[in-house]
Amino acid sequence: MSIHQCNACEKNSPETINMPVEQDQASTASVTPIRPLADIETRMGQMNAAQRVAWSIDNLAGRPVLSSSFGAQSAVMLHLLSKHEPDIPVILIDTGYLFPETYRFIDQLHDRLRLNLKVYRSDLSPGWQEARYGKLWEQAETGLNHYNRINKVEPMRRALKSLQAGLWFSGLRRGQSQSRANTQFVEYREGKDGLQPIWKVHPLADWADRDIGLYLQQHELPYHPLWDQGYVSIGDTHTTTRLADGMSAEDTRFFGLQRECGIHTQI
C-alpha cells in the first residue's frame, strides 16, 4: 500500500460561502463569510450526516481534509467521507506510541477504503524526545501538555498548513465526553500561527453510540480491535487505560487529568 508521510512538507453555487485565506500564490484576495454561522448551524441540524458532508463540501469554500485518530469507532467517519469524496486527504498524527493494534487497524482501513492517508509526526523522534525531556507523560499535567504540543498540536498545525486546508472534517460527538457536550456541527476559526482561516465540520455531532453501532453493522465496518478488550477511547499506549467500574470514558485517557490533547481546542 502507499501511505504519504509528510514531515516537512470550488465549487461555486449561489450559496457558496467564501472565507478569508492566507495570501499566497493560490490566493490574492480575502473575503469574509456571507452567511451567518447560526443559520448554517440551524440548516445542519435539519440534515442527516451524509447530507451535512455533501452540503459542506458544496457550500463552504476551502480545500477539504479529514482528521482521524483511528480510534474505537473511527471507521464511521472514514467510510462516510470516502464515499462522498474518495480522494480526501486523511490526516493521521502518529506519535510513535500508538498501540500495535492501532497500526494494524490503520492498515486494514487504509486498504479497504482506499484512503488517501497523510501521516504527520513530530520533528523529534520518540527516542530523541525521551533523551532530551524524559518521559513527559510522567511529569504531571505540565509534562502532558508539553508532550501533546510537540506530538499532536504542532504536527496537526503543520498538516493543515501544508495541505492548505480550508474545510476540516472531524468525528467529534457530543456524547463522547463532557468537554465535547457543546460540539457544534460547524465552527469557523480565524487563522493564526501561519494558518489560513478554516471551517471545522462535525457531521456526527448529534450521534449516539447506538447510531455508531448501527452504521458499523449496516456497512459491515470494524471496530478497533481493542474495543472488545475494554478500551473505549484509544490513544497512546502510555496514556490509555481500559474502562473499569466507576470510571467514565474521560478517565481512561491522560490519567483522568484531561480529556483533550489540544488538536481540537488549540488550533
C-alpha atoms as a PDB file:
ATOM      1  CA  MET A   1       0.000   0.000   0.000  1.00  0.00           C
ATOM      2  CA  SER A   2       1.009   3.609  -0.448  1.00  0.00           C
ATOM      3  CA  ILE A   3       0.855   5.957   2.525  1.00  0.00           C
ATOM      4  CA  HIS A   4       2.117   9.510   2.241  1.00  0.00           C
ATOM      5  CA  GLN A   5       4.401  10.556   5.061  1.00  0.00           C
ATOM      6  CA  CYS A   6       4.640  14.304   5.447  1.00  0.00           C
ATOM      7  CA  ASN A   7       7.091  15.691   7.913  1.00  0.00           C
ATOM      8  CA  ALA A   8       8.115  18.972   6.242  1.00  0.00           C
ATOM      9  CA  CYS A   9       6.078  19.247   3.995  1.00  0.00           C
ATOM     10  CA  GLU A  10     -14.553  25.270  -5.815  1.00  0.00           C
ATOM     11  CA  LYS A  11     -17.236  24.501  -6.332  1.00  0.00           C
ATOM     12  CA  ASN A  12     -19.269  27.692  -6.911  1.00  0.00           C
ATOM     13  CA  SER A  13     -23.017  27.980  -6.324  1.00  0.00           C
ATOM     14  CA  PRO A  14     -25.386  30.744  -5.216  1.00  0.00           C
ATOM     15  CA  GLU A  15     -24.957  29.501  -1.634  1.00  0.00           C
ATOM     16  CA  THR A  16     -21.184  29.163  -1.641  1.00  0.00           C
ATOM     17  CA  ILE A  17     -19.695  30.675   1.487  1.00  0.00           C
ATOM     18  CA  ASN A  18     -16.269  32.136   0.977  1.00  0.00           C
ATOM     19  CA  MET A  19     -13.701  32.506   3.728  1.00  0.00           C
ATOM     20  CA  PRO A  20     -10.587  34.624   4.084  1.00  0.00           C
ATOM     21  CA  VAL A  21      -7.439  32.777   3.112  1.00  0.00           C
ATOM     22  CA  GLU A  22      -3.771  33.355   3.712  1.00  0.00           C
ATOM     23  CA  GLN A  23      -2.418  35.318   0.792  1.00  0.00           C
ATOM     24  CA  ASP A  24      -0.159  33.115  -1.345  1.00  0.00           C
ATOM     25  CA  GLN A  25       0.318  32.026  -4.951  1.00  0.00           C
ATOM     26  CA  ALA A  26      -3.143  30.472  -4.998  1.00  0.00           C
ATOM     27  CA  SER A  27      -4.937  33.426  -3.432  1.00  0.00           C
ATOM     28  CA  THR A  28      -4.734  37.147  -3.938  1.00  0.00           C
ATOM     29  CA  ALA A  29      -7.786  38.379  -2.036  1.00  0.00           C
ATOM     30  CA  SER A  30      -9.585  37.847   1.240  1.00  0.00           C
ATOM     31  CA  VAL A  31     -13.331  37.802   1.849  1.00  0.00           C
ATOM     32  CA  THR A  32     -15.470  37.127   4.889  1.00  0.00           C
ATOM     33  CA  PRO A  33     -18.364  34.709   5.418  1.00  0.00           C
ATOM     34  CA  ILE A  34     -21.595  35.911   3.775  1.00  0.00           C
ATOM     35  CA  ARG A  35     -23.970  33.609   5.696  1.00  0.00           C
ATOM     36  CA  PRO A  36     -24.357  33.935   9.491  1.00  0.00           C
ATOM     37  CA  LEU A  37     -22.875  30.965  11.330  1.00  0.00           C
ATOM     38  CA  ALA A  38     -26.092  30.449  13.308  1.00  0.00           C
ATOM     39  CA  ASP A  39     -28.004  29.974  10.044  1.00  0.00           C
ATOM     40  CA  ILE A  40     -25.559  27.294   8.938  1.00  0.00           C
ATOM     41  CA  GLU A  41     -25.874  25.510  12.287  1.00  0.00           C
ATOM     42  CA  THR A  42     -29.668  25.517  12.015  1.00  0.00           C
ATOM     43  CA  ARG A  43     -29.525  24.160   8.480  1.00  0.00           C
ATOM     44  CA  MET A  44     -27.084  21.440   9.540  1.00  0.00           C
ATOM     45  CA  GLY A  45     -29.412  20.377  12.352  1.00  0.00           C
ATOM     46  CA  GLN A  46     -32.101  19.582   9.792  1.00  0.00           C
ATOM     47  CA  MET A  47     -29.832  17.251   7.808  1.00  0.00           C
ATOM     48  CA  ASN A  48     -28.519  13.739   8.297  1.00  0.00           C
ATOM     49  CA  ALA A  49     -24.762  13.143   8.499  1.00  0.00           C
ATOM     50  CA  ALA A  50     -24.296  12.338   4.803  1.00  0.00           C
ATOM     51  CA  GLN A  51     -26.193  15.486   3.819  1.00  0.00           C
ATOM     52  CA  ARG A  52     -24.037  17.554   6.162  1.00  0.00           C
ATOM     53  CA  VAL A  53     -20.908  16.268   4.445  1.00  0.00           C
ATOM     54  CA  ALA A  54     -22.267  16.930   0.958  1.00  0.00           C
ATOM     55  CA  TRP A  55     -23.610  20.386   1.809  1.00  0.00           C
ATOM     56  CA  SER A  56     -20.367  21.439   3.490  1.00  0.00           C
ATOM     57  CA  ILE A  57     -18.219  20.414   0.537  1.00  0.00           C
ATOM     58  CA  ASP A  58     -20.574  22.108  -1.923  1.00  0.00           C
ATOM     59  CA  ASN A  59     -21.127  25.331   0.014  1.00  0.00           C
ATOM     60  CA  LEU A  60     -18.233  26.034   2.396  1.00  0.00           C
ATOM     61  CA  ALA A  61     -15.282  27.204   0.358  1.00  0.00           C
ATOM     62  CA  GLY A  62     -11.932  25.648   1.131  1.00  0.00           C
ATOM     63  CA  ARG A  63      -9.903  22.509   0.450  1.00  0.00           C
ATOM     64  CA  PRO A  64     -11.430  19.627   2.446  1.00  0.00           C
ATOM     65  CA  VAL A  65      -9.443  17.314   4.729  1.00  0.00           C
ATOM     66  CA  LEU A  66     -10.425  14.722   7.325  1.00  0.00           C
ATOM     67  CA  SER A  67      -8.511  14.081  10.543  1.00  0.00           C
ATOM     68  CA  SER A  68      -8.733  10.679  12.206  1.00  0.00           C
ATOM     69  CA  SER A  69      -7.181   9.092  15.270  1.00  0.00           C
ATOM     70  CA  PHE A  70      -8.207   5.636  14.007  1.00  0.00           C
ATOM     71  CA  GLY A  71      -9.774   5.122  17.399  1.00  0.00           C
ATOM     72  CA  ALA A  72     -12.545   2.791  18.517  1.00  0.00           C
ATOM     73  CA  GLN A  73     -15.274   3.976  16.139  1.00  0.00           C
ATOM     74  CA  SER A  74     -13.284   5.859  13.514  1.00  0.00           C
ATOM     75  CA  ALA A  75     -14.429   3.661  10.637  1.00  0.00           C
ATOM     76  CA  VAL A  76     -17.735   5.560  10.503  1.00  0.00           C
ATOM     77  CA  MET A  77     -16.278   8.955   9.554  1.00  0.00           C
ATOM     78  CA  LEU A  78     -13.684   7.378   7.273  1.00  0.00           C
ATOM     79  CA  HIS A  79     -16.375   5.470   5.392  1.00  0.00           C
ATOM     80  CA  LEU A  80     -18.795   8.410   5.304  1.00  0.00           C
ATOM     81  CA  LEU A  81     -16.242  10.857   3.896  1.00  0.00           C
ATOM     82  CA  SER A  82     -14.550   8.447   1.488  1.00  0.00           C
ATOM     83  CA  LYS A  83     -17.929   7.611  -0.055  1.00  0.00           C
ATOM     84  CA  HIS A  84     -18.603  11.246  -0.865  1.00  0.00           C
ATOM     85  CA  GLU A  85     -15.038  12.451  -1.501  1.00  0.00           C
ATOM     86  CA  PRO A  86     -12.888   9.373  -2.303  1.00  0.00           C
ATOM     87  CA  ASP A  87      -9.592  11.249  -2.563  1.00  0.00           C
ATOM     88  CA  ILE A  88      -9.983  13.468   0.503  1.00  0.00           C
ATOM     89  CA  PRO A  89      -6.681  13.693   2.428  1.00  0.00           C
ATOM     90  CA  VAL A  90      -6.972  11.749   5.700  1.00  0.00           C
ATOM     91  CA  ILE A  91      -4.624  13.219   8.312  1.00  0.00           C
ATOM     92  CA  LEU A  92      -3.121  10.821  10.839  1.00  0.00           C
ATOM     93  CA  ILE A  93      -0.926  12.193  13.623  1.00  0.00           C
ATOM     94  CA  ASP A  94       1.481   9.387  14.525  1.00  0.00           C
ATOM     95  CA  THR A  95       3.123   9.925  17.896  1.00  0.00           C
ATOM     96  CA  GLY A  96       5.171   6.738  17.583  1.00  0.00           C
ATOM     97  CA  TYR A  97       3.441   5.430  20.724  1.00  0.00           C
ATOM     98  CA  LEU A  98       0.226   4.044  19.228  1.00  0.00           C
ATOM     99  CA  PHE A  99      -0.831   0.508  20.075  1.00  0.00           C
ATOM    100  CA  PRO A 100       0.314  -2.228  17.649  1.00  0.00           C
ATOM    101  CA  GLU A 101      -3.390  -2.959  17.168  1.00  0.00           C
ATOM    102  CA  THR A 102      -3.920   0.641  16.082  1.00  0.00           C
ATOM    103  CA  TYR A 103      -1.241   0.461  13.409  1.00  0.00           C
ATOM    104  CA  ARG A 104      -2.783  -2.772  12.085  1.00  0.00           C
ATOM    105  CA  PHE A 105      -6.246  -1.168  12.182  1.00  0.00           C
ATOM    106  CA  ILE A 106      -4.891   1.736  10.127  1.00  0.00           C
ATOM    107  CA  ASP A 107      -3.524  -0.697   7.544  1.00  0.00           C
ATOM    108  CA  GLN A 108      -6.838  -2.552   7.443  1.00  0.00           C
ATOM    109  CA  LEU A 109      -8.970   0.552   6.870  1.00  0.00           C
ATOM    110  CA  HIS A 110      -6.443   2.081   4.501  1.00  0.00           C
ATOM    111  CA  ASP A 111      -6.639  -0.939   2.219  1.00  0.00           C
ATOM    112  CA  ARG A 112     -10.383  -1.482   2.494  1.00  0.00           C
ATOM    113  CA  LEU A 113     -11.455   2.141   1.986  1.00  0.00           C
ATOM    114  CA  ARG A 114      -8.518   3.109  -0.271  1.00  0.00           C
ATOM    115  CA  LEU A 115      -7.747   6.081   1.917  1.00  0.00           C
ATOM    116  CA  ASN A 116      -5.581   8.970   0.802  1.00  0.00           C
ATOM    117  CA  LEU A 117      -3.630   8.788   4.044  1.00  0.00           C
ATOM    118  CA  LYS A 118      -1.269  11.594   5.067  1.00  0.00           C
ATOM    119  CA  VAL A 119       0.927  10.810   8.074  1.00  0.00           C
ATOM    120  CA  TYR A 120       2.466  13.595  10.152  1.00  0.00           C
ATOM    121  CA  ARG A 121       4.829  13.284  13.110  1.00  0.00           C
ATOM    122  CA  SER A 122       6.843  15.393  15.493  1.00  0.00           C
ATOM    123  CA  ASP A 123      10.163  16.694  14.191  1.00  0.00           C
ATOM    124  CA  LEU A 124      11.764  14.820  17.110  1.00  0.00           C
ATOM    125  CA  SER A 125      11.618  11.015  17.223  1.00  0.00           C
ATOM    126  CA  PRO A 126      10.247   9.363  20.387  1.00  0.00           C
ATOM    127  CA  GLY A 127      13.744   8.274  21.388  1.00  0.00           C
ATOM    128  CA  TRP A 128      15.162  11.748  20.941  1.00  0.00           C
ATOM    129  CA  GLN A 129      12.301  13.274  22.923  1.00  0.00           C
ATOM    130  CA  GLU A 130      12.894  10.909  25.830  1.00  0.00           C
ATOM    131  CA  ALA A 131      16.636  11.617  25.764  1.00  0.00           C
ATOM    132  CA  ARG A 132      16.001  15.350  25.824  1.00  0.00           C
ATOM    133  CA  TYR A 133      12.965  15.652  28.114  1.00  0.00           C
ATOM    134  CA  GLY A 134      12.490  12.280  29.793  1.00  0.00           C
ATOM    135  CA  LYS A 135       9.071  10.650  29.745  1.00  0.00           C
ATOM    136  CA  LEU A 136       6.897  13.742  29.538  1.00  0.00           C
ATOM    137  CA  TRP A 137       3.676  11.836  30.219  1.00  0.00           C
ATOM    138  CA  GLU A 138       5.041  11.003  33.686  1.00  0.00           C
ATOM    139  CA  GLN A 139       5.636  14.668  34.526  1.00  0.00           C
ATOM    140  CA  ALA A 140       2.134  15.633  35.675  1.00  0.00           C
ATOM    141  CA  GLU A 141      -0.146  17.879  33.646  1.00  0.00           C
ATOM    142  CA  THR A 142       2.654  20.247  32.640  1.00  0.00           C
ATOM    143  CA  GLY A 143       4.552  17.376  31.060  1.00  0.00           C
ATOM    144  CA  LEU A 144       1.405  16.081  29.354  1.00  0.00           C
ATOM    145  CA  ASN A 145       0.737  19.484  27.853  1.00  0.00           C
ATOM    146  CA  HIS A 146       4.305  19.662  26.529  1.00  0.00           C
ATOM    147  CA  TYR A 147       4.020  16.123  25.129  1.00  0.00           C
ATOM    148  CA  ASN A 148       0.730  16.881  23.394  1.00  0.00           C
ATOM    149  CA  ARG A 149       2.000  20.131  21.978  1.00  0.00           C
ATOM    150  CA  ILE A 150       5.062  18.651  20.260  1.00  0.00           C
ATOM    151  CA  ASN A 151       3.493  15.323  19.277  1.00  0.00           C
ATOM    152  CA  LYS A 152      -0.036  16.302  18.342  1.00  0.00           C
ATOM    153  CA  VAL A 153      -0.782  20.011  18.096  1.00  0.00           C
ATOM    154  CA  GLU A 154       2.302  21.098  16.157  1.00  0.00           C
ATOM    155  CA  PRO A 155       2.143  18.178  13.642  1.00  0.00           C
ATOM    156  CA  MET A 156      -1.573  18.847  13.119  1.00  0.00           C
ATOM    157  CA  ARG A 157      -0.952  22.519  12.527  1.00  0.00           C
ATOM    158  CA  ARG A 158       1.751  21.588  10.027  1.00  0.00           C
ATOM    159  CA  ALA A 159      -0.615  19.171   8.292  1.00  0.00           C
ATOM    160  CA  LEU A 160      -3.367  21.757   7.853  1.00  0.00           C
ATOM    161  CA  LYS A 161      -0.886  24.317   6.585  1.00  0.00           C
ATOM    162  CA  SER A 162       0.915  22.066   4.105  1.00  0.00           C
ATOM    163  CA  LEU A 163      -2.371  20.698   2.746  1.00  0.00           C
ATOM    164  CA  GLN A 164      -3.776  24.260   2.532  1.00  0.00           C
ATOM    165  CA  ALA A 165      -6.894  23.042   4.294  1.00  0.00           C
ATOM    166  CA  GLY A 166      -9.905  25.331   4.423  1.00  0.00           C
ATOM    167  CA  LEU A 167     -12.531  22.731   5.384  1.00  0.00           C
ATOM    168  CA  TRP A 168     -11.650  20.324   8.206  1.00  0.00           C
ATOM    169  CA  PHE A 169     -13.902  17.340   8.953  1.00  0.00           C
ATOM    170  CA  SER A 170     -13.698  15.604  12.315  1.00  0.00           C
ATOM    171  CA  GLY A 171     -15.684  12.858  14.039  1.00  0.00           C
ATOM    172  CA  LEU A 172     -16.235  14.655  17.369  1.00  0.00           C
ATOM    173  CA  ARG A 173     -19.547  13.782  19.048  1.00  0.00           C
ATOM    174  CA  ARG A 174     -21.337  15.447  21.950  1.00  0.00           C
ATOM    175  CA  GLY A 175     -21.830  12.164  23.748  1.00  0.00           C
ATOM    176  CA  GLN A 176     -18.129  11.311  23.871  1.00  0.00           C
ATOM    177  CA  SER A 177     -17.303  13.427  26.908  1.00  0.00           C
ATOM    178  CA  GLN A 178     -18.332  16.449  28.944  1.00  0.00           C
ATOM    179  CA  SER A 179     -15.701  18.519  27.144  1.00  0.00           C
ATOM    180  CA  ARG A 180     -17.468  17.782  23.850  1.00  0.00           C
ATOM    181  CA  ALA A 181     -21.052  18.195  25.065  1.00  0.00           C
ATOM    182  CA  ASN A 182     -21.452  21.532  23.261  1.00  0.00           C
ATOM    183  CA  THR A 183     -19.858  20.473  19.968  1.00  0.00           C
ATOM    184  CA  GLN A 184     -21.446  22.340  17.057  1.00  0.00           C
ATOM    185  CA  PHE A 185     -21.962  20.929  13.586  1.00  0.00           C
ATOM    186  CA  VAL A 186     -19.794  23.691  12.161  1.00  0.00           C
ATOM    187  CA  GLU A 187     -17.269  26.173  13.503  1.00  0.00           C
ATOM    188  CA  TYR A 188     -15.418  28.998  11.796  1.00  0.00           C
ATOM    189  CA  ARG A 189     -11.881  29.515  13.070  1.00  0.00           C
ATOM    190  CA  GLU A 190      -9.825  32.566  12.270  1.00  0.00           C
ATOM    191  CA  GLY A 191      -6.345  31.824  11.031  1.00  0.00           C
ATOM    192  CA  LYS A 192      -3.457  32.072  13.470  1.00  0.00           C
ATOM    193  CA  ASP A 193       0.159  30.912  13.732  1.00  0.00           C
ATOM    194  CA  GLY A 194       0.519  30.896   9.957  1.00  0.00           C
ATOM    195  CA  LEU A 195      -2.714  29.023   9.252  1.00  0.00           C
ATOM    196  CA  GLN A 196      -5.415  30.314   6.965  1.00  0.00           C
ATOM    197  CA  PRO A 197      -8.940  30.564   8.397  1.00  0.00           C
ATOM    198  CA  ILE A 198     -10.786  27.270   8.354  1.00  0.00           C
ATOM    199  CA  TRP A 199     -14.257  25.777   8.600  1.00  0.00           C
ATOM    200  CA  LYS A 200     -14.382  22.843  11.035  1.00  0.00           C
ATOM    201  CA  VAL A 201     -17.295  20.451  10.493  1.00  0.00           C
ATOM    202  CA  HIS A 202     -18.560  17.676  12.800  1.00  0.00           C
ATOM    203  CA  PRO A 203     -21.186  15.711  10.829  1.00  0.00           C
ATOM    204  CA  LEU A 204     -21.696  13.194  13.672  1.00  0.00           C
ATOM    205  CA  ALA A 205     -22.017  15.755  16.472  1.00  0.00           C
ATOM    206  CA  ASP A 206     -25.516  14.592  17.481  1.00  0.00           C
ATOM    207  CA  TRP A 207     -24.918  10.840  17.055  1.00  0.00           C
ATOM    208  CA  ALA A 208     -25.231   8.474  19.999  1.00  0.00           C
ATOM    209  CA  ASP A 209     -23.237   5.280  20.479  1.00  0.00           C
ATOM    210  CA  ARG A 210     -26.225   3.348  19.139  1.00  0.00           C
ATOM    211  CA  ASP A 211     -26.095   5.312  15.867  1.00  0.00           C
ATOM    212  CA  ILE A 212     -22.423   4.457  15.534  1.00  0.00           C
ATOM    213  CA  GLY A 213     -23.055   0.781  16.169  1.00  0.00           C
ATOM    214  CA  LEU A 214     -25.909   0.597  13.665  1.00  0.00           C
ATOM    215  CA  TYR A 215     -23.811   2.292  10.972  1.00  0.00           C
ATOM    216  CA  LEU A 216     -20.895  -0.057  11.534  1.00  0.00           C
ATOM    217  CA  GLN A 217     -23.231  -3.030  11.362  1.00  0.00           C
ATOM    218  CA  GLN A 218     -25.071  -1.784   8.283  1.00  0.00           C
ATOM    219  CA  HIS A 219     -21.855  -1.267   6.322  1.00  0.00           C
ATOM    220  CA  GLU A 220     -20.005  -4.233   7.836  1.00  0.00           C
ATOM    221  CA  LEU A 221     -17.272  -1.995   9.201  1.00  0.00           C
ATOM    222  CA  PRO A 222     -14.921  -2.988  12.035  1.00  0.00           C
ATOM    223  CA  TYR A 223     -14.486  -1.539  15.486  1.00  0.00           C
ATOM    224  CA  HIS A 224     -10.940  -1.001  16.693  1.00  0.00           C
ATOM    225  CA  PRO A 225      -9.677  -4.438  17.862  1.00  0.00           C
ATOM    226  CA  LEU A 226      -9.040  -3.118  21.392  1.00  0.00           C
ATOM    227  CA  TRP A 227     -12.722  -2.271  21.833  1.00  0.00           C
ATOM    228  CA  ASP A 228     -13.512  -5.846  22.859  1.00  0.00           C
ATOM    229  CA  GLN A 229     -10.768  -5.645  25.496  1.00  0.00           C
ATOM    230  CA  GLY A 230     -12.460  -2.777  27.316  1.00  0.00           C
ATOM    231  CA  TYR A 231     -10.811   0.221  25.648  1.00  0.00           C
ATOM    232  CA  VAL A 232     -13.412   2.850  24.778  1.00  0.00           C
ATOM    233  CA  SER A 233     -11.126   5.800  23.952  1.00  0.00           C
ATOM    234  CA  ILE A 234      -7.859   4.794  22.358  1.00  0.00           C
ATOM    235  CA  GLY A 235      -4.744   6.924  22.056  1.00  0.00           C
ATOM    236  CA  ASP A 236      -1.127   6.317  23.046  1.00  0.00           C
ATOM    237  CA  THR A 237      -0.072   3.214  24.957  1.00  0.00           C
ATOM    238  CA  HIS A 238       1.198   5.181  27.965  1.00  0.00           C
ATOM    239  CA  THR A 239      -1.859   7.408  28.437  1.00  0.00           C
ATOM    240  CA  THR A 240      -4.717   4.995  27.635  1.00  0.00           C
ATOM    241  CA  THR A 241      -6.329   2.549  30.066  1.00  0.00           C
ATOM    242  CA  ARG A 242      -9.253   0.154  29.971  1.00  0.00           C
ATOM    243  CA  LEU A 243     -12.637   1.281  31.237  1.00  0.00           C
ATOM    244  CA  ALA A 244     -13.200  -0.097  34.743  1.00  0.00           C
ATOM    245  CA  ASP A 245     -16.064   0.087  37.214  1.00  0.00           C
ATOM    246  CA  GLY A 246     -16.632   3.608  38.456  1.00  0.00           C
ATOM    247  CA  MET A 247     -14.713   5.199  35.563  1.00  0.00           C
ATOM    248  CA  SER A 248     -16.003   7.470  32.816  1.00  0.00           C
ATOM    249  CA  ALA A 249     -14.622   7.453  29.285  1.00  0.00           C
ATOM    250  CA  GLU A 250     -12.695  10.623  30.148  1.00  0.00           C
ATOM    251  CA  ASP A 251     -10.928   8.815  32.986  1.00  0.00           C
ATOM    252  CA  THR A 252      -9.374   6.323  30.566  1.00  0.00           C
ATOM    253  CA  ARG A 253      -7.225   8.990  28.911  1.00  0.00           C
ATOM    254  CA  PHE A 254      -4.333  11.035  30.287  1.00  0.00           C
ATOM    255  CA  PHE A 255      -4.738   9.539  33.788  1.00  0.00           C
ATOM    256  CA  GLY A 256      -8.024  11.390  34.173  1.00  0.00           C
ATOM    257  CA  LEU A 257      -6.200  14.729  34.256  1.00  0.00           C
ATOM    258  CA  GLN A 258      -7.630  15.943  30.969  1.00  0.00           C
ATOM    259  CA  ARG A 259      -9.686  14.730  28.011  1.00  0.00           C
ATOM    260  CA  GLU A 260      -8.424  16.804  25.102  1.00  0.00           C
ATOM    261  CA  CYS A 261      -4.908  16.663  23.673  1.00  0.00           C
ATOM    262  CA  GLY A 262      -5.160  20.134  22.134  1.00  0.00           C
ATOM    263  CA  ILE A 263      -5.778  19.267  18.486  1.00  0.00           C
ATOM    264  CA  HIS A 264      -9.440  20.291  18.713  1.00  0.00           C
ATOM    265  CA  THR A 265      -9.018  23.094  21.235  1.00  0.00           C
ATOM    266  CA  GLN A 266      -5.774  24.902  20.367  1.00  0.00           C
ATOM    267  CA  ILE A 267      -5.865  25.125  16.562  1.00  0.00           C
END
